[in-house]
Amino acid sequence: MRNRIILFISFLGLVGIFWLTLPSKEARVIVCDVGQGDAILATYKNIQMLFDTGADNKKLMNCLEKHVPFWDKTIEVVVLSHGDSDHTGGLNDLLKSYKVGQIFGNEQKNYSQKIGQNDVINTNMFDFEVVSPDKNQENINDGNEKSVAGYLVSKSGWTIFLSGDMDMETEQKLVWRKIVDRPVDILKISHHGSETATSEEILEVLKPKEAVISVGKDNKFGHPREQTLKRLEARNIKIRRTDFEGEVVYKLVEKSEQ
């Protein structure tokens, strides 16, 4: 009898653990706290899209362990904005711990599939509509200019603009050519709040209600810069920062339910 009770209690414990780790029924976007770098996870049920992997500091893995069920060892889509180590350094650890369905990036030789302007990546809840880089501009050498950037659109009605480390001149060109052409709910600030990005032109078109900055505490670059913060504050855009809050979680409930 005693053994049966122990087995029954153990069974209930396993059921409880499984229940607690069931995928969330709401879409979420998590800006992981990876220090001075970028890693953004979009997840719905048991499907994940990961944008960048942060630096080689294990912090990405901490974020995934918290927000991906322990039994789910597949990340369906990874998008690497560009090759800088603070955006790709965690890739090796990711590949050791998870099966990755598809990897996209801006350079064919490094990634399984090259993407650029007008490409769209689809999952069960999210569409990622790429606005940059222009795949025909092969003469661009700087990694920041070639950052993969675009609209992350959820079927629950939310839109987030992901910008990698895209520079101000590239932002302005996208606006002038009407490639960036509609408002968003949330803007992931480019290049950790550097003064070389987040132009007045792109803010005027995107009109974000909220901006999130992925940045390391007391980083040596002085990010986010005062000029960038003032541009956001002048437009009454709510600012959230990983160096202040740690990870930033957005629960993308149906807009009709707000």
Protein backbone atom coordinates (compact mmCIF):
# COMPACT_ATOMS: atom_id res chain seq x y z
CA MET A 1 0.00 0.00 0.00
CA ARG A 2 2.79 2.41 0.94
CA ASN A 3 4.49 1.87 -2.43
CA ARG A 4 1.22 2.55 -4.25
CA ILE A 5 0.79 5.84 -2.40
CA ILE A 6 4.35 6.86 -3.28
CA LEU A 7 3.78 5.99 -6.94
CA PHE A 8 0.50 7.90 -6.97
CA ILE A 9 2.10 11.00 -5.43
CA SER A 10 4.98 10.77 -7.91
CA PHE A 11 2.50 10.51 -10.77
CA LEU A 12 0.63 13.59 -9.55
CA GLY A 13 3.94 15.44 -9.30
CA LEU A 14 4.85 14.59 -12.89
CA VAL A 15 1.41 15.65 -14.08
CA GLY A 16 1.80 18.92 -12.18
CA ILE A 17 5.20 19.63 -13.69
CA PHE A 18 3.90 18.87 -17.18
CA TRP A 19 0.87 21.12 -16.63
CA LEU A 20 3.02 24.01 -15.40
CA THR A 21 5.29 23.74 -18.44
CA LEU A 22 2.55 23.60 -21.07
CA PRO A 23 3.09 26.27 -23.74
CA SER A 24 1.31 29.57 -23.13
CA LYS A 25 -1.96 30.04 -25.00
CA GLU A 26 -1.07 33.67 -25.69
CA ALA A 27 1.54 34.98 -28.08
CA ARG A 28 4.56 36.51 -26.40
CA VAL A 29 7.66 38.40 -27.45
CA ILE A 30 10.54 38.35 -24.99
CA VAL A 31 13.48 40.72 -25.29
CA CYS A 32 16.02 38.58 -23.49
CA ASP A 33 18.48 40.12 -21.09
CA VAL A 34 21.73 39.13 -22.81
CA GLY A 35 23.81 42.10 -21.69
CA GLN A 36 25.28 44.19 -24.50
CA GLY A 37 23.63 42.39 -27.40
CA ASP A 38 20.34 41.34 -28.96
CA ALA A 39 18.19 38.22 -28.61
CA ILE A 40 14.42 38.46 -29.12
CA LEU A 41 12.16 35.43 -28.79
CA ALA A 42 8.70 35.32 -30.39
CA THR A 43 6.71 32.33 -29.17
CA TYR A 44 3.21 30.89 -29.44
CA LYS A 45 2.25 27.45 -28.18
CA ASN A 46 5.22 25.21 -29.10
CA ILE A 47 6.56 27.27 -32.03
CA GLN A 48 9.41 29.76 -31.60
CA MET A 49 11.13 32.37 -33.73
CA LEU A 50 14.43 33.72 -32.39
CA PHE A 51 15.94 36.96 -33.63
CA ASP A 52 19.68 37.05 -32.88
CA THR A 53 21.42 35.04 -30.17
CA GLY A 54 23.29 37.58 -28.06
CA ALA A 55 26.96 37.33 -27.14
CA ASP A 56 28.83 34.18 -26.13
CA ASN A 57 27.92 34.53 -22.45
CA LYS A 58 25.27 31.79 -21.81
CA LYS A 59 22.59 34.42 -21.15
CA LEU A 60 20.52 33.38 -24.15
CA MET A 61 20.26 29.87 -22.76
CA ASN A 62 18.96 31.22 -19.43
CA CYS A 63 16.24 33.08 -21.29
CA LEU A 64 15.21 30.08 -23.40
CA GLU A 65 15.16 27.76 -20.39
CA LYS A 66 12.71 30.14 -18.73
CA HIS A 67 10.37 30.69 -21.69
CA VAL A 68 10.55 27.46 -23.70
CA PRO A 69 9.12 24.28 -22.08
CA PHE A 70 11.90 21.94 -20.93
CA TRP A 71 10.63 19.16 -23.22
CA ASP A 72 10.57 21.41 -26.32
CA LYS A 73 14.06 21.18 -27.81
CA THR A 74 13.28 22.71 -31.20
CA ILE A 75 13.56 26.36 -32.24
CA GLU A 76 11.75 26.48 -35.55
CA VAL A 77 13.23 29.70 -36.96
CA VAL A 78 16.37 31.70 -36.18
CA VAL A 79 17.02 35.05 -37.87
CA LEU A 80 20.49 36.56 -37.50
CA SER A 81 20.43 40.26 -38.27
CA HIS A 82 24.16 40.46 -39.07
CA GLY A 83 27.46 38.90 -38.11
CA ASP A 84 28.55 40.96 -35.09
CA SER A 85 29.43 38.78 -32.12
CA ASP A 86 26.91 40.48 -29.80
CA HIS A 87 24.17 39.24 -32.15
CA THR A 88 25.54 35.81 -33.12
CA GLY A 89 27.85 34.79 -30.26
CA GLY A 90 25.25 32.54 -28.62
CA LEU A 91 24.58 30.52 -31.76
CA ASN A 92 26.98 27.66 -30.93
CA ASP A 93 25.39 27.11 -27.52
CA LEU A 94 21.95 27.24 -29.12
CA LEU A 95 22.86 24.58 -31.67
CA LYS A 96 24.27 22.33 -28.94
CA SER A 97 21.08 22.43 -26.90
CA TYR A 98 18.30 22.78 -29.49
CA LYS A 99 17.41 21.50 -32.90
CA VAL A 100 17.05 24.52 -35.19
CA GLY A 101 14.63 24.23 -38.09
CA GLN A 102 15.82 27.09 -40.31
CA ILE A 103 18.47 29.77 -39.98
CA PHE A 104 18.14 32.96 -41.99
CA GLY A 105 20.63 35.80 -42.37
CA ASN A 106 22.03 38.42 -44.69
CA GLU A 107 24.99 36.44 -46.04
CA GLN A 108 24.46 33.21 -47.97
CA LYS A 109 27.87 31.74 -47.14
CA ASN A 110 27.25 31.75 -43.39
CA TYR A 111 23.61 30.84 -43.06
CA SER A 112 21.26 28.28 -44.49
CA GLN A 113 19.19 30.83 -46.35
CA LYS A 114 19.81 34.41 -47.35
CA ILE A 115 16.94 36.84 -46.87
CA GLY A 116 16.36 40.46 -47.77
CA GLN A 117 13.83 43.06 -48.73
CA ASN A 118 10.31 41.75 -49.55
CA ASP A 119 10.91 38.28 -48.10
CA VAL A 120 8.39 37.02 -45.53
CA ILE A 121 8.92 34.28 -42.93
CA ASN A 122 5.73 32.68 -41.60
CA THR A 123 4.94 30.66 -38.47
CA ASN A 124 1.70 29.71 -36.72
CA MET A 125 1.25 33.14 -35.10
CA PHE A 126 3.87 35.48 -36.56
CA ASP A 127 4.89 36.85 -39.94
CA PHE A 128 8.25 38.56 -40.27
CA GLU A 129 8.19 40.96 -43.22
CA VAL A 130 11.75 41.89 -44.21
CA VAL A 131 12.38 45.49 -45.30
CA SER A 132 16.19 45.45 -45.32
CA PRO A 133 18.78 44.75 -46.60
CA ASP A 134 18.31 45.19 -50.33
CA LYS A 135 19.63 41.91 -51.71
CA ASN A 136 20.93 43.71 -54.81
CA GLN A 137 23.29 45.98 -52.84
CA GLU A 138 26.25 43.60 -52.77
CA ASN A 139 28.75 46.46 -52.47
CA ILE A 140 27.78 47.27 -48.86
CA ASN A 141 30.56 46.07 -46.55
CA ASP A 142 29.51 47.38 -43.15
CA GLY A 143 27.58 44.82 -41.14
CA ASN A 144 25.30 47.37 -39.48
CA GLU A 145 24.07 48.72 -42.82
CA LYS A 146 23.25 45.18 -43.92
CA SER A 147 21.28 44.31 -40.79
CA VAL A 148 18.16 42.27 -41.40
CA ALA A 149 15.26 44.46 -40.26
CA GLY A 150 11.52 44.27 -40.62
CA TYR A 151 8.00 44.11 -39.26
CA LEU A 152 7.14 41.26 -36.88
CA VAL A 153 3.36 40.97 -37.20
CA SER A 154 1.26 38.79 -34.90
CA LYS A 155 -2.14 37.42 -35.82
CA SER A 156 -3.41 38.88 -32.54
CA GLY A 157 -3.01 42.35 -34.06
CA TRP A 158 0.36 43.53 -32.74
CA THR A 159 3.25 44.84 -34.83
CA ILE A 160 6.84 45.16 -33.66
CA PHE A 161 9.67 46.62 -35.72
CA LEU A 162 12.96 44.76 -35.32
CA SER A 163 15.96 46.73 -36.49
CA GLY A 164 19.17 44.86 -35.68
CA ASP A 165 21.96 47.46 -35.73
CA MET A 166 20.60 49.29 -38.78
CA ASP A 167 22.17 52.75 -39.15
CA MET A 168 20.43 56.09 -39.56
CA GLU A 169 21.21 56.53 -43.26
CA THR A 170 19.68 53.15 -44.08
CA GLU A 171 16.59 54.04 -42.01
CA GLN A 172 16.18 57.28 -43.94
CA LYS A 173 16.47 55.55 -47.31
CA LEU A 174 13.80 53.04 -46.33
CA VAL A 175 11.48 55.88 -45.34
CA TRP A 176 12.15 57.95 -48.45
CA ARG A 177 11.49 54.94 -50.67
CA LYS A 178 8.30 54.18 -48.69
CA ILE A 179 9.52 50.69 -47.81
CA VAL A 180 9.03 51.48 -44.13
CA ASP A 181 5.52 52.81 -44.47
CA ARG A 182 3.25 52.11 -41.48
CA PRO A 183 2.98 52.54 -37.71
CA VAL A 184 3.88 49.87 -35.14
CA ASP A 185 3.06 49.19 -31.52
CA ILE A 186 6.63 48.57 -30.39
CA LEU A 187 10.04 49.51 -31.79
CA LYS A 188 13.17 47.54 -30.91
CA ILE A 189 15.68 50.37 -30.88
CA SER A 190 18.55 49.87 -33.29
CA HIS A 191 22.16 49.34 -32.19
CA HIS A 192 21.42 49.38 -28.45
CA GLY A 193 20.52 53.06 -28.50
CA SER A 194 23.56 54.35 -30.37
CA GLU A 195 23.38 57.93 -31.63
CA THR A 196 23.97 56.61 -35.16
CA ALA A 197 20.43 55.17 -35.43
CA THR A 198 16.77 55.82 -34.56
CA SER A 199 16.34 58.78 -36.87
CA GLU A 200 13.55 61.34 -36.68
CA GLU A 201 12.41 60.11 -40.09
CA ILE A 202 11.82 56.52 -39.03
CA LEU A 203 10.16 57.57 -35.78
CA GLU A 204 7.78 59.80 -37.72
CA VAL A 205 6.63 56.86 -39.86
CA LEU A 206 6.65 54.07 -37.27
CA LYS A 207 5.03 56.17 -34.52
CA PRO A 208 5.72 53.51 -31.84
CA LYS A 209 3.81 53.66 -28.59
CA GLU A 210 6.71 51.93 -26.86
CA ALA A 211 10.41 51.45 -27.51
CA VAL A 212 12.60 48.73 -26.05
CA ILE A 213 16.38 48.93 -25.81
CA SER A 214 18.47 45.77 -25.47
CA VAL A 215 21.63 47.00 -23.77
CA GLY A 216 24.22 45.96 -21.21
CA LYS A 217 24.39 47.63 -17.82
CA ASP A 218 27.25 50.17 -17.57
CA ASN A 219 28.49 49.17 -21.02
CA LYS A 220 31.73 50.71 -22.33
CA PHE A 221 29.98 52.33 -25.32
CA GLY A 222 27.74 54.58 -23.25
CA HIS A 223 24.60 53.07 -24.80
CA PRO A 224 21.88 54.19 -24.93
CA ARG A 225 23.07 57.65 -25.88
CA GLU A 226 21.36 60.77 -24.59
CA GLN A 227 20.55 62.00 -28.12
CA THR A 228 18.58 58.85 -28.84
CA LEU A 229 16.68 58.96 -25.57
CA LYS A 230 15.75 62.60 -26.13
CA ARG A 231 14.33 61.81 -29.57
CA LEU A 232 12.09 59.20 -27.98
CA GLU A 233 11.10 61.34 -25.02
CA ALA A 234 10.18 64.25 -27.30
CA ARG A 235 7.54 62.01 -28.89
CA ASN A 236 6.26 60.70 -25.54
CA ILE A 237 7.32 57.15 -26.42
CA LYS A 238 7.49 54.84 -23.42
CA ILE A 239 11.04 53.51 -23.03
CA ARG A 240 11.91 50.08 -21.63
CA ARG A 241 15.48 48.87 -21.14
CA THR A 242 17.00 45.49 -20.38
CA ASP A 243 19.77 47.10 -18.31
CA PHE A 244 17.08 48.46 -15.96
CA GLU A 245 14.41 45.73 -16.06
CA GLY A 246 16.23 42.59 -17.13
CA GLU A 247 14.22 40.73 -19.74
CA VAL A 248 11.24 42.58 -21.18
CA VAL A 249 8.14 40.46 -21.85
CA TYR A 250 5.26 41.48 -24.11
CA LYS A 251 2.04 39.47 -23.90
CA LEU A 252 0.34 40.00 -27.24
CA VAL A 253 -3.28 39.53 -26.28
CA GLU A 254 -5.95 40.01 -28.94
CA LYS A 255 -6.34 43.72 -29.63
CA SER A 256 -10.11 43.29 -29.34
CA GLU A 257 -9.65 42.17 -25.73
CA GLN A 258 -7.80 45.30 -24.63
